[in-house]
Amino acid sequence: MKCLCELKNIHQVFKNKIFALFALKTKIKIKLFKYSILKDAFNSLKGYFQQIILIKMTKTQSVTNTIISQGVLPLYYNADETVTLEILRSLYKAGIRAVEYTSRGKAALGNFTKMVEIRNSEMPQMLLGIGTIKNIQQAEEYYKVGADFFISPGFVAEVAEFLIPKDLLYSPGCMTPTEIIAAETAGVTFVKLFPGNALGTGFMSAIKDVFPNLKFMPTGGVDTTKESIESWFKAGVSAVGMGSKLVSKELMLAKDYATIENETKKVLEIIQTLK
């Protein structure tokens, strides 16, 4: 009889522990469920605030950030529309998200218009800039067809007055402190040092502390080697512009898009090691 009572007691204790474990498991499930809800709510709020930040970020800031992030701005021109578009595709596949197409021929405007069309359908993340803007008429034409940013070989006050109030990045070429001051006074925030090979890295090192609120990018003479790229970044630039050193006439003539893509990837890899 005593054994039977003990067995009943043991059975009751066991049942109580089972119930306790079940209750604990239920509490854990409830807590995990609550955590899951809180996590989902947090992620939703995070996405919401990220969208607000993106909305508040100006177009000029967005384009500047993209160029600085990739560290190099490829630039090219080709009169042939097909070649122009294939080079654009090659640069995009290499990882480029901002490119400058130079207005250096009669076919430039038509080709650029087609680039915008292809960008919109195939590569929505790509920013298309137009270079060699020397007067207000050019700026107006390319603005109408959808250019994301504008670059000049020199500072053109009328172009700055037209673009900057529209929150469009305008990067003029400058080669003297006087020109840089004029550009900064007009509202320019991203300066193209041109020609880079004539100015050299020493010029950049000498002026960077004088213009702490500006970003600089040399164009002309920047090679695709690590030594050349590194020397400019050490001097204080935020990005480098590359034309014929990256997209050469020989490669365009041969329609060697694979090499353009591979060489661009190498440049991007070099820049990432320097950051």
C-alpha atoms as a PDB file:
ATOM      1  CA  MET A   1       0.000   0.000   0.000  1.00  0.00           C
ATOM      2  CA  LYS A   2       2.865   2.316   0.868  1.00  0.00           C
ATOM      3  CA  CYS A   3       4.518   1.609  -2.482  1.00  0.00           C
ATOM      4  CA  LEU A   4       1.287   2.388  -4.264  1.00  0.00           C
ATOM      5  CA  CYS A   5       1.039   5.769  -2.534  1.00  0.00           C
ATOM      6  CA  GLU A   6       4.642   6.574  -3.409  1.00  0.00           C
ATOM      7  CA  LEU A   7       4.008   5.673  -7.024  1.00  0.00           C
ATOM      8  CA  LYS A   8       0.982   7.968  -7.034  1.00  0.00           C
ATOM      9  CA  ASN A   9       3.075  10.764  -5.563  1.00  0.00           C
ATOM     10  CA  ILE A  10       5.809  10.223  -8.147  1.00  0.00           C
ATOM     11  CA  HIS A  11       3.214  10.176 -10.898  1.00  0.00           C
ATOM     12  CA  GLN A  12       1.711  13.442  -9.608  1.00  0.00           C
ATOM     13  CA  VAL A  13       5.133  15.096  -9.414  1.00  0.00           C
ATOM     14  CA  PHE A  14       5.881  13.925 -12.945  1.00  0.00           C
ATOM     15  CA  LYS A  15       2.542  15.305 -14.163  1.00  0.00           C
ATOM     16  CA  ASN A  16       3.256  18.620 -12.450  1.00  0.00           C
ATOM     17  CA  LYS A  17       6.653  18.835 -14.142  1.00  0.00           C
ATOM     18  CA  ILE A  18       5.112  18.011 -17.509  1.00  0.00           C
ATOM     19  CA  PHE A  19       2.535  20.764 -17.015  1.00  0.00           C
ATOM     20  CA  ALA A  20       5.280  23.160 -15.894  1.00  0.00           C
ATOM     21  CA  LEU A  21       7.376  22.337 -18.958  1.00  0.00           C
ATOM     22  CA  PHE A  22       4.352  22.766 -21.197  1.00  0.00           C
ATOM     23  CA  ALA A  23       3.595  26.146 -19.601  1.00  0.00           C
ATOM     24  CA  LEU A  24       7.243  27.188 -20.001  1.00  0.00           C
ATOM     25  CA  LYS A  25       7.220  26.098 -23.629  1.00  0.00           C
ATOM     26  CA  THR A  26       4.049  28.114 -24.214  1.00  0.00           C
ATOM     27  CA  LYS A  27       5.622  31.187 -22.605  1.00  0.00           C
ATOM     28  CA  ILE A  28       8.706  30.781 -24.795  1.00  0.00           C
ATOM     29  CA  LYS A  29       6.544  30.508 -27.905  1.00  0.00           C
ATOM     30  CA  ILE A  30       4.633  33.636 -26.899  1.00  0.00           C
ATOM     31  CA  LYS A  31       7.889  35.508 -26.298  1.00  0.00           C
ATOM     32  CA  LEU A  32       9.315  34.319 -29.613  1.00  0.00           C
ATOM     33  CA  PHE A  33       6.101  35.372 -31.336  1.00  0.00           C
ATOM     34  CA  LYS A  34       6.273  38.787 -29.701  1.00  0.00           C
ATOM     35  CA  TYR A  35       9.957  39.049 -30.670  1.00  0.00           C
ATOM     36  CA  SER A  36       9.085  38.136 -34.248  1.00  0.00           C
ATOM     37  CA  ILE A  37       6.410  40.843 -34.346  1.00  0.00           C
ATOM     38  CA  LEU A  38       8.794  43.397 -32.859  1.00  0.00           C
ATOM     39  CA  LYS A  39      11.524  42.379 -35.310  1.00  0.00           C
ATOM     40  CA  ASP A  40       9.155  42.748 -38.276  1.00  0.00           C
ATOM     41  CA  ALA A  41       7.987  46.110 -36.959  1.00  0.00           C
ATOM     42  CA  PHE A  42      11.588  47.251 -36.504  1.00  0.00           C
ATOM     43  CA  ASN A  43      12.532  46.189 -40.034  1.00  0.00           C
ATOM     44  CA  SER A  44       9.490  47.998 -41.423  1.00  0.00           C
ATOM     45  CA  LEU A  45      10.413  51.173 -39.548  1.00  0.00           C
ATOM     46  CA  LYS A  46      14.034  50.806 -40.639  1.00  0.00           C
ATOM     47  CA  GLY A  47      12.973  50.594 -44.287  1.00  0.00           C
ATOM     48  CA  TYR A  48      10.622  53.529 -43.807  1.00  0.00           C
ATOM     49  CA  PHE A  49      13.332  55.752 -42.319  1.00  0.00           C
ATOM     50  CA  GLN A  50      15.804  54.691 -45.024  1.00  0.00           C
ATOM     51  CA  GLN A  51      13.264  55.817 -47.627  1.00  0.00           C
ATOM     52  CA  ILE A  52      12.875  59.142 -45.819  1.00  0.00           C
ATOM     53  CA  ILE A  53      16.661  59.603 -45.851  1.00  0.00           C
ATOM     54  CA  LEU A  54      16.795  58.822 -49.562  1.00  0.00           C
ATOM     55  CA  ILE A  55      13.948  61.231 -50.245  1.00  0.00           C
ATOM     56  CA  LYS A  56      15.675  63.979 -48.267  1.00  0.00           C
ATOM     57  CA  MET A  57      19.011  63.356 -49.982  1.00  0.00           C
ATOM     58  CA  THR A  58      19.388  65.788 -52.842  1.00  0.00           C
ATOM     59  CA  LYS A  59      20.048  64.662 -56.411  1.00  0.00           C
ATOM     60  CA  THR A  60      23.442  66.353 -56.263  1.00  0.00           C
ATOM     61  CA  GLN A  61      24.348  64.444 -53.104  1.00  0.00           C
ATOM     62  CA  SER A  62      23.114  61.162 -54.553  1.00  0.00           C
ATOM     63  CA  VAL A  63      25.183  61.503 -57.750  1.00  0.00           C
ATOM     64  CA  THR A  64      28.236  62.667 -55.806  1.00  0.00           C
ATOM     65  CA  ASN A  65      27.960  59.714 -53.439  1.00  0.00           C
ATOM     66  CA  THR A  66      27.702  57.270 -56.331  1.00  0.00           C
ATOM     67  CA  ILE A  67      30.820  58.639 -58.046  1.00  0.00           C
ATOM     68  CA  ILE A  68      32.794  58.697 -54.807  1.00  0.00           C
ATOM     69  CA  SER A  69      31.626  55.200 -53.897  1.00  0.00           C
ATOM     70  CA  GLN A  70      32.889  53.664 -57.147  1.00  0.00           C
ATOM     71  CA  GLY A  71      35.966  55.923 -57.056  1.00  0.00           C
ATOM     72  CA  VAL A  72      36.325  56.237 -60.807  1.00  0.00           C
ATOM     73  CA  LEU A  73      34.278  57.992 -63.463  1.00  0.00           C
ATOM     74  CA  PRO A  74      34.730  56.410 -66.909  1.00  0.00           C
ATOM     75  CA  LEU A  75      34.285  58.804 -69.824  1.00  0.00           C
ATOM     76  CA  TYR A  76      34.138  58.176 -73.538  1.00  0.00           C
ATOM     77  CA  TYR A  77      32.659  59.172 -76.886  1.00  0.00           C
ATOM     78  CA  ASN A  78      32.040  57.209 -80.037  1.00  0.00           C
ATOM     79  CA  ALA A  79      30.149  58.379 -83.096  1.00  0.00           C
ATOM     80  CA  ASP A  80      28.664  54.929 -83.656  1.00  0.00           C
ATOM     81  CA  GLU A  81      25.444  54.399 -81.692  1.00  0.00           C
ATOM     82  CA  THR A  82      25.853  50.624 -81.387  1.00  0.00           C
ATOM     83  CA  VAL A  83      29.419  50.898 -80.126  1.00  0.00           C
ATOM     84  CA  THR A  84      28.331  53.598 -77.672  1.00  0.00           C
ATOM     85  CA  LEU A  85      25.602  51.374 -76.231  1.00  0.00           C
ATOM     86  CA  GLU A  86      27.746  48.242 -76.043  1.00  0.00           C
ATOM     87  CA  ILE A  87      30.442  50.119 -74.128  1.00  0.00           C
ATOM     88  CA  LEU A  88      27.762  51.350 -71.721  1.00  0.00           C
ATOM     89  CA  ARG A  89      26.593  47.775 -71.167  1.00  0.00           C
ATOM     90  CA  SER A  90      30.181  46.608 -70.602  1.00  0.00           C
ATOM     91  CA  LEU A  91      30.793  49.304 -67.991  1.00  0.00           C
ATOM     92  CA  TYR A  92      27.532  48.441 -66.247  1.00  0.00           C
ATOM     93  CA  LYS A  93      28.410  44.733 -66.138  1.00  0.00           C
ATOM     94  CA  ALA A  94      31.794  45.644 -64.657  1.00  0.00           C
ATOM     95  CA  GLY A  95      30.075  47.394 -61.748  1.00  0.00           C
ATOM     96  CA  ILE A  96      29.990  51.015 -62.896  1.00  0.00           C
ATOM     97  CA  ARG A  97      26.926  53.001 -61.795  1.00  0.00           C
ATOM     98  CA  ALA A  98      27.892  56.464 -63.075  1.00  0.00           C
ATOM     99  CA  VAL A  99      29.452  57.255 -66.437  1.00  0.00           C
ATOM    100  CA  GLU A 100      30.317  60.389 -68.410  1.00  0.00           C
ATOM    101  CA  TYR A 101      29.596  60.572 -72.119  1.00  0.00           C
ATOM    102  CA  THR A 102      31.431  63.437 -73.755  1.00  0.00           C
ATOM    103  CA  SER A 103      29.715  65.820 -76.187  1.00  0.00           C
ATOM    104  CA  ARG A 104      32.488  65.868 -78.772  1.00  0.00           C
ATOM    105  CA  GLY A 105      30.722  65.146 -82.054  1.00  0.00           C
ATOM    106  CA  LYS A 106      27.559  65.676 -84.068  1.00  0.00           C
ATOM    107  CA  ALA A 107      26.217  62.275 -83.042  1.00  0.00           C
ATOM    108  CA  ALA A 108      26.627  62.956 -79.302  1.00  0.00           C
ATOM    109  CA  LEU A 109      23.131  64.236 -78.532  1.00  0.00           C
ATOM    110  CA  GLY A 110      21.391  61.483 -80.492  1.00  0.00           C
ATOM    111  CA  ASN A 111      23.601  58.803 -78.963  1.00  0.00           C
ATOM    112  CA  PHE A 112      23.074  60.155 -75.470  1.00  0.00           C
ATOM    113  CA  THR A 113      19.313  60.186 -75.963  1.00  0.00           C
ATOM    114  CA  LYS A 114      19.486  56.513 -76.919  1.00  0.00           C
ATOM    115  CA  MET A 115      21.715  55.811 -73.878  1.00  0.00           C
ATOM    116  CA  VAL A 116      19.019  57.248 -71.615  1.00  0.00           C
ATOM    117  CA  GLU A 117      16.421  55.048 -73.303  1.00  0.00           C
ATOM    118  CA  ILE A 118      18.528  51.892 -72.885  1.00  0.00           C
ATOM    119  CA  ARG A 119      19.423  52.847 -69.311  1.00  0.00           C
ATOM    120  CA  ASN A 120      15.767  53.174 -68.397  1.00  0.00           C
ATOM    121  CA  SER A 121      14.932  49.740 -69.781  1.00  0.00           C
ATOM    122  CA  GLU A 122      18.056  47.728 -68.904  1.00  0.00           C
ATOM    123  CA  MET A 123      20.073  49.417 -66.150  1.00  0.00           C
ATOM    124  CA  PRO A 124      17.929  51.704 -63.971  1.00  0.00           C
ATOM    125  CA  GLN A 125      20.720  52.143 -61.399  1.00  0.00           C
ATOM    126  CA  MET A 126      23.069  53.758 -63.920  1.00  0.00           C
ATOM    127  CA  LEU A 127      23.602  57.513 -63.733  1.00  0.00           C
ATOM    128  CA  LEU A 128      24.352  59.137 -67.075  1.00  0.00           C
ATOM    129  CA  GLY A 129      26.395  62.316 -67.129  1.00  0.00           C
ATOM    130  CA  ILE A 130      27.282  64.480 -70.086  1.00  0.00           C
ATOM    131  CA  GLY A 131      30.741  65.970 -70.449  1.00  0.00           C
ATOM    132  CA  THR A 132      32.402  68.718 -72.498  1.00  0.00           C
ATOM    133  CA  ILE A 133      29.560  71.146 -71.769  1.00  0.00           C
ATOM    134  CA  LYS A 134      30.859  74.570 -72.844  1.00  0.00           C
ATOM    135  CA  ASN A 135      27.733  76.714 -73.097  1.00  0.00           C
ATOM    136  CA  ILE A 136      24.183  77.107 -71.854  1.00  0.00           C
ATOM    137  CA  GLN A 137      22.663  75.796 -75.109  1.00  0.00           C
ATOM    138  CA  GLN A 138      24.358  72.419 -74.650  1.00  0.00           C
ATOM    139  CA  ALA A 139      23.298  72.255 -71.010  1.00  0.00           C
ATOM    140  CA  GLU A 140      19.673  72.926 -71.960  1.00  0.00           C
ATOM    141  CA  GLU A 141      19.694  70.285 -74.709  1.00  0.00           C
ATOM    142  CA  TYR A 142      21.052  67.526 -72.502  1.00  0.00           C
ATOM    143  CA  TYR A 143      18.846  68.558 -69.597  1.00  0.00           C
ATOM    144  CA  LYS A 144      15.805  68.026 -71.812  1.00  0.00           C
ATOM    145  CA  VAL A 145      16.850  64.473 -72.740  1.00  0.00           C
ATOM    146  CA  GLY A 146      17.494  63.463 -69.146  1.00  0.00           C
ATOM    147  CA  ALA A 147      21.179  63.866 -68.214  1.00  0.00           C
ATOM    148  CA  ASP A 148      21.783  63.121 -64.513  1.00  0.00           C
ATOM    149  CA  PHE A 149      24.874  65.297 -64.151  1.00  0.00           C
ATOM    150  CA  PHE A 150      26.983  67.709 -66.173  1.00  0.00           C
ATOM    151  CA  ILE A 151      30.750  68.172 -66.547  1.00  0.00           C
ATOM    152  CA  SER A 152      32.683  70.962 -68.271  1.00  0.00           C
ATOM    153  CA  PRO A 153      36.327  71.381 -69.287  1.00  0.00           C
ATOM    154  CA  GLY A 154      36.142  74.817 -67.633  1.00  0.00           C
ATOM    155  CA  PHE A 155      33.851  76.795 -65.340  1.00  0.00           C
ATOM    156  CA  VAL A 156      30.875  78.323 -67.170  1.00  0.00           C
ATOM    157  CA  ALA A 157      28.901  80.644 -64.896  1.00  0.00           C
ATOM    158  CA  GLU A 158      25.717  80.529 -67.017  1.00  0.00           C
ATOM    159  CA  VAL A 159      25.697  76.726 -66.895  1.00  0.00           C
ATOM    160  CA  ALA A 160      26.106  76.784 -63.115  1.00  0.00           C
ATOM    161  CA  GLU A 161      23.221  79.257 -62.805  1.00  0.00           C
ATOM    162  CA  PHE A 162      21.039  76.987 -64.944  1.00  0.00           C
ATOM    163  CA  LEU A 163      21.831  73.634 -63.313  1.00  0.00           C
ATOM    164  CA  ILE A 164      22.542  74.179 -59.613  1.00  0.00           C
ATOM    165  CA  PRO A 165      19.067  75.591 -58.724  1.00  0.00           C
ATOM    166  CA  LYS A 166      17.623  72.436 -60.333  1.00  0.00           C
ATOM    167  CA  ASP A 167      19.643  70.302 -57.886  1.00  0.00           C
ATOM    168  CA  LEU A 168      21.756  68.820 -60.684  1.00  0.00           C
ATOM    169  CA  LEU A 169      25.430  68.107 -60.165  1.00  0.00           C
ATOM    170  CA  TYR A 170      27.642  70.453 -62.142  1.00  0.00           C
ATOM    171  CA  SER A 171      31.359  69.659 -62.079  1.00  0.00           C
ATOM    172  CA  PRO A 172      33.460  72.217 -63.963  1.00  0.00           C
ATOM    173  CA  GLY A 173      37.097  71.775 -64.876  1.00  0.00           C
ATOM    174  CA  CYS A 174      39.394  74.069 -62.915  1.00  0.00           C
ATOM    175  CA  MET A 175      43.165  74.482 -62.899  1.00  0.00           C
ATOM    176  CA  THR A 176      43.770  77.537 -60.705  1.00  0.00           C
ATOM    177  CA  PRO A 177      42.658  78.577 -57.197  1.00  0.00           C
ATOM    178  CA  THR A 178      40.907  81.574 -58.776  1.00  0.00           C
ATOM    179  CA  GLU A 179      38.753  79.300 -60.943  1.00  0.00           C
ATOM    180  CA  ILE A 180      37.995  77.015 -58.000  1.00  0.00           C
ATOM    181  CA  ILE A 181      36.924  79.987 -55.859  1.00  0.00           C
ATOM    182  CA  ALA A 182      34.610  81.210 -58.636  1.00  0.00           C
ATOM    183  CA  ALA A 183      33.069  77.753 -58.952  1.00  0.00           C
ATOM    184  CA  GLU A 184      32.628  77.337 -55.206  1.00  0.00           C
ATOM    185  CA  THR A 185      31.027  80.776 -54.930  1.00  0.00           C
ATOM    186  CA  ALA A 186      28.524  79.738 -57.620  1.00  0.00           C
ATOM    187  CA  GLY A 187      27.509  76.685 -55.574  1.00  0.00           C
ATOM    188  CA  VAL A 188      29.724  74.000 -57.113  1.00  0.00           C
ATOM    189  CA  THR A 189      30.638  71.211 -54.679  1.00  0.00           C
ATOM    190  CA  PHE A 190      32.448  68.733 -56.947  1.00  0.00           C
ATOM    191  CA  VAL A 191      35.405  70.081 -58.943  1.00  0.00           C
ATOM    192  CA  LYS A 192      37.103  68.441 -61.894  1.00  0.00           C
ATOM    193  CA  LEU A 193      40.866  69.070 -61.920  1.00  0.00           C
ATOM    194  CA  PHE A 194      41.668  69.422 -65.594  1.00  0.00           C
ATOM    195  CA  PRO A 195      43.998  68.632 -67.159  1.00  0.00           C
ATOM    196  CA  GLY A 196      45.206  66.308 -64.429  1.00  0.00           C
ATOM    197  CA  ASN A 197      48.498  65.429 -66.107  1.00  0.00           C
ATOM    198  CA  ALA A 198      49.453  69.105 -66.334  1.00  0.00           C
ATOM    199  CA  LEU A 199      48.470  69.901 -62.746  1.00  0.00           C
ATOM    200  CA  GLY A 200      49.846  66.767 -61.073  1.00  0.00           C
ATOM    201  CA  THR A 201      49.262  65.340 -57.608  1.00  0.00           C
ATOM    202  CA  GLY A 202      51.356  68.097 -56.013  1.00  0.00           C
ATOM    203  CA  PHE A 203      48.744  70.681 -56.973  1.00  0.00           C
ATOM    204  CA  MET A 204      46.007  68.661 -55.285  1.00  0.00           C
ATOM    205  CA  SER A 205      48.066  68.247 -52.120  1.00  0.00           C
ATOM    206  CA  ALA A 206      48.739  71.996 -52.025  1.00  0.00           C
ATOM    207  CA  ILE A 207      45.103  73.127 -52.339  1.00  0.00           C
ATOM    208  CA  LYS A 208      43.097  70.496 -50.449  1.00  0.00           C
ATOM    209  CA  ASP A 209      43.316  72.325 -47.097  1.00  0.00           C
ATOM    210  CA  VAL A 210      42.309  75.595 -48.741  1.00  0.00           C
ATOM    211  CA  PHE A 211      39.026  74.083 -49.991  1.00  0.00           C
ATOM    212  CA  PRO A 212      37.872  71.684 -47.236  1.00  0.00           C
ATOM    213  CA  ASN A 213      34.226  71.695 -48.367  1.00  0.00           C
ATOM    214  CA  LEU A 214      34.911  70.637 -51.957  1.00  0.00           C
ATOM    215  CA  LYS A 215      35.366  67.234 -53.554  1.00  0.00           C
ATOM    216  CA  PHE A 216      37.972  66.880 -56.311  1.00  0.00           C
ATOM    217  CA  MET A 217      38.382  64.537 -59.274  1.00  0.00           C
ATOM    218  CA  PRO A 218      41.314  64.728 -61.716  1.00  0.00           C
ATOM    219  CA  THR A 219      40.703  63.916 -65.368  1.00  0.00           C
ATOM    220  CA  GLY A 220      43.400  63.569 -67.991  1.00  0.00           C
ATOM    221  CA  GLY A 221      46.536  61.547 -67.506  1.00  0.00           C
ATOM    222  CA  VAL A 222      45.277  59.234 -64.749  1.00  0.00           C
ATOM    223  CA  ASP A 223      46.553  55.767 -65.596  1.00  0.00           C
ATOM    224  CA  THR A 224      44.901  52.439 -64.757  1.00  0.00           C
ATOM    225  CA  THR A 225      47.866  51.288 -62.649  1.00  0.00           C
ATOM    226  CA  LYS A 226      47.712  51.075 -58.865  1.00  0.00           C
ATOM    227  CA  GLU A 227      50.651  53.487 -58.568  1.00  0.00           C
ATOM    228  CA  SER A 228      48.913  56.204 -60.588  1.00  0.00           C
ATOM    229  CA  ILE A 229      45.535  55.811 -58.884  1.00  0.00           C
ATOM    230  CA  GLU A 230      47.048  55.589 -55.402  1.00  0.00           C
ATOM    231  CA  SER A 231      49.133  58.732 -55.893  1.00  0.00           C
ATOM    232  CA  TRP A 232      46.000  60.764 -56.595  1.00  0.00           C
ATOM    233  CA  PHE A 233      43.996  59.350 -53.704  1.00  0.00           C
ATOM    234  CA  LYS A 234      46.895  59.990 -51.330  1.00  0.00           C
ATOM    235  CA  ALA A 235      46.969  63.570 -52.596  1.00  0.00           C
ATOM    236  CA  GLY A 236      43.350  63.993 -51.483  1.00  0.00           C
ATOM    237  CA  VAL A 237      40.977  63.384 -54.403  1.00  0.00           C
ATOM    238  CA  SER A 238      37.603  61.676 -53.932  1.00  0.00           C
ATOM    239  CA  ALA A 239      37.554  59.959 -57.340  1.00  0.00           C
ATOM    240  CA  VAL A 240      39.474  59.847 -60.619  1.00  0.00           C
ATOM    241  CA  GLY A 241      38.186  60.384 -64.139  1.00  0.00           C
ATOM    242  CA  MET A 242      39.417  57.945 -66.794  1.00  0.00           C
ATOM    243  CA  GLY A 243      38.978  58.320 -70.518  1.00  0.00           C
ATOM    244  CA  SER A 244      41.291  56.873 -73.167  1.00  0.00           C
ATOM    245  CA  LYS A 245      43.429  55.140 -70.546  1.00  0.00           C
ATOM    246  CA  LEU A 246      40.440  52.923 -69.760  1.00  0.00           C
ATOM    247  CA  VAL A 247      38.235  53.034 -72.866  1.00  0.00           C
ATOM    248  CA  SER A 248      40.868  53.413 -75.552  1.00  0.00           C
ATOM    249  CA  LYS A 249      40.321  54.144 -79.235  1.00  0.00           C
ATOM    250  CA  GLU A 250      41.946  50.808 -80.050  1.00  0.00           C
ATOM    251  CA  LEU A 251      39.481  48.863 -77.922  1.00  0.00           C
ATOM    252  CA  MET A 252      36.530  50.764 -79.368  1.00  0.00           C
ATOM    253  CA  LEU A 253      37.766  50.226 -82.908  1.00  0.00           C
ATOM    254  CA  ALA A 254      38.203  46.499 -82.249  1.00  0.00           C
ATOM    255  CA  LYS A 255      34.838  46.394 -80.473  1.00  0.00           C
ATOM    256  CA  ASP A 256      36.580  44.565 -77.675  1.00  0.00           C
ATOM    257  CA  TYR A 257      33.890  45.052 -75.057  1.00  0.00           C
ATOM    258  CA  ALA A 258      35.089  42.124 -72.939  1.00  0.00           C
ATOM    259  CA  THR A 259      38.460  43.777 -72.353  1.00  0.00           C
ATOM    260  CA  ILE A 260      36.790  47.077 -71.488  1.00  0.00           C
ATOM    261  CA  GLU A 261      34.694  45.235 -68.910  1.00  0.00           C
ATOM    262  CA  ASN A 262      37.670  43.337 -67.460  1.00  0.00           C
ATOM    263  CA  GLU A 263      39.940  46.398 -67.286  1.00  0.00           C
ATOM    264  CA  THR A 264      37.193  48.359 -65.569  1.00  0.00           C
ATOM    265  CA  LYS A 265      36.759  45.576 -63.004  1.00  0.00           C
ATOM    266  CA  LYS A 266      40.505  45.697 -62.298  1.00  0.00           C
ATOM    267  CA  VAL A 267      40.378  49.458 -61.714  1.00  0.00           C
ATOM    268  CA  LEU A 268      37.417  49.078 -59.362  1.00  0.00           C
ATOM    269  CA  GLU A 269      39.272  46.362 -57.441  1.00  0.00           C
ATOM    270  CA  ILE A 270      42.365  48.567 -57.122  1.00  0.00           C
ATOM    271  CA  ILE A 271      40.298  51.434 -55.782  1.00  0.00           C
ATOM    272  CA  GLN A 272      38.596  49.209 -53.197  1.00  0.00           C
ATOM    273  CA  THR A 273      41.997  48.147 -51.857  1.00  0.00           C
ATOM    274  CA  LEU A 274      42.946  51.810 -51.434  1.00  0.00           C
ATOM    275  CA  LYS A 275      39.830  52.814 -49.487  1.00  0.00           C
END
